[in-house]
Protein backbone atom coordinates (compact mmCIF):
# COMPACT_ATOMS: atom_id res chain seq x y z
CA ASN A 1 97.26 98.65 87.61
CA LEU A 2 95.03 98.58 90.60
CA ARG A 3 92.20 96.36 92.04
CA SER A 4 89.15 97.15 93.86
CA VAL A 5 90.80 96.40 96.97
CA ASP A 6 93.79 98.17 96.53
CA VAL A 7 93.92 101.71 98.01
CA VAL A 8 95.36 105.08 96.91
CA SER A 9 96.17 107.48 99.83
CA PRO A 10 98.02 110.65 98.81
CA VAL A 11 99.97 111.80 101.97
CA ASP A 12 101.27 115.44 100.40
CA GLU A 13 101.75 116.52 97.08
CA ASP A 14 105.00 114.52 96.46
CA PHE A 15 103.85 111.20 98.74
CA VAL A 16 101.21 108.53 98.34
CA PHE A 17 101.08 105.61 99.69
CA LEU A 18 99.27 102.42 98.11
CA PHE A 19 98.28 99.55 99.99
CA PHE A 20 97.78 95.83 98.29
CA PRO A 21 95.97 93.95 100.81
CA GLU A 22 96.23 90.20 101.25
CA THR A 23 98.92 90.64 98.77
CA GLU A 24 102.53 88.94 98.35
CA ARG A 25 105.33 90.76 98.51
CA LYS A 26 106.69 89.82 95.09
CA GLN A 27 103.15 90.18 93.36
CA VAL A 28 103.79 94.24 94.84
CA GLU A 29 106.97 94.66 93.36
CA LYS A 30 105.48 93.85 89.60
CA ALA A 31 102.50 95.94 90.56
CA VAL A 32 104.33 98.78 91.55
CA GLU A 33 107.07 98.34 88.79
CA ARG A 34 104.23 98.29 86.44
CA ILE A 35 102.55 101.53 87.78
CA LYS A 36 106.22 103.28 87.40
CA LYS A 37 106.17 102.49 84.09
CA ASN A 38 102.74 103.48 83.10
CA ILE A 39 103.49 106.19 84.80
CA GLY A 40 106.64 107.31 83.46
CA LEU A 41 108.28 108.75 86.41
CA ASP A 42 111.23 107.86 88.49
CA LEU A 43 109.83 106.94 91.46
CA VAL A 44 111.80 105.91 94.80
CA GLU A 45 109.62 103.57 96.41
CA GLY A 46 109.28 101.14 99.43
CA VAL A 47 107.72 98.22 100.32
CA ALA A 48 107.26 97.25 104.33
CA SER A 49 104.77 93.55 104.29
CA TYR A 50 103.26 92.03 106.69
CA PRO A 51 104.11 90.12 108.99
CA GLU A 52 107.44 90.03 107.53
CA ASP A 53 107.74 93.33 108.24
CA GLY A 54 105.60 93.88 110.96
CA LYS A 55 102.40 92.31 112.59
CA SER A 56 100.59 95.50 113.74
CA SER A 57 100.11 98.83 111.83
CA ARG A 58 102.61 100.48 113.47
CA GLU A 59 105.30 98.58 113.24
CA LEU A 60 104.90 98.22 109.41
CA PHE A 61 104.87 102.43 109.36
CA ASP A 62 108.14 102.02 111.30
CA SER A 63 109.43 99.32 108.98
CA LEU A 64 108.64 101.27 105.80
CA VAL A 65 110.21 104.52 107.01
CA LYS A 66 113.25 103.07 107.83
CA ILE A 67 112.77 101.89 104.46
CA MET A 68 112.10 104.61 102.68
CA ASN A 69 114.77 107.26 105.03
CA ASP A 70 117.46 104.18 103.71
CA LYS A 71 116.67 105.39 100.50
CA LEU A 72 116.80 108.53 101.20
CA LEU A 73 117.89 111.76 103.04
CA PRO A 74 116.25 111.11 106.59
CA ILE A 75 112.49 113.02 106.12
CA ILE A 76 110.67 111.20 108.53
CA GLU A 77 111.26 111.23 111.98
CA ILE A 78 109.59 108.44 114.58
């Protein structure tokens, strides 16, 4: 499900960041659904996309934190 340009970055035992460079949001959402289906776990995911959600790495990270905090109890303070 991942290409050689995609990046998997474990954060801790409960969090993993997946980076899909130069990939449109719809394609990322499809990839995430395939991953969820293949590993058979109920995952909570968030997608932050350049440039819609931010034009810098910090803006993208902040957008992703907001998306995840809206889905979960706030877990990350900015």
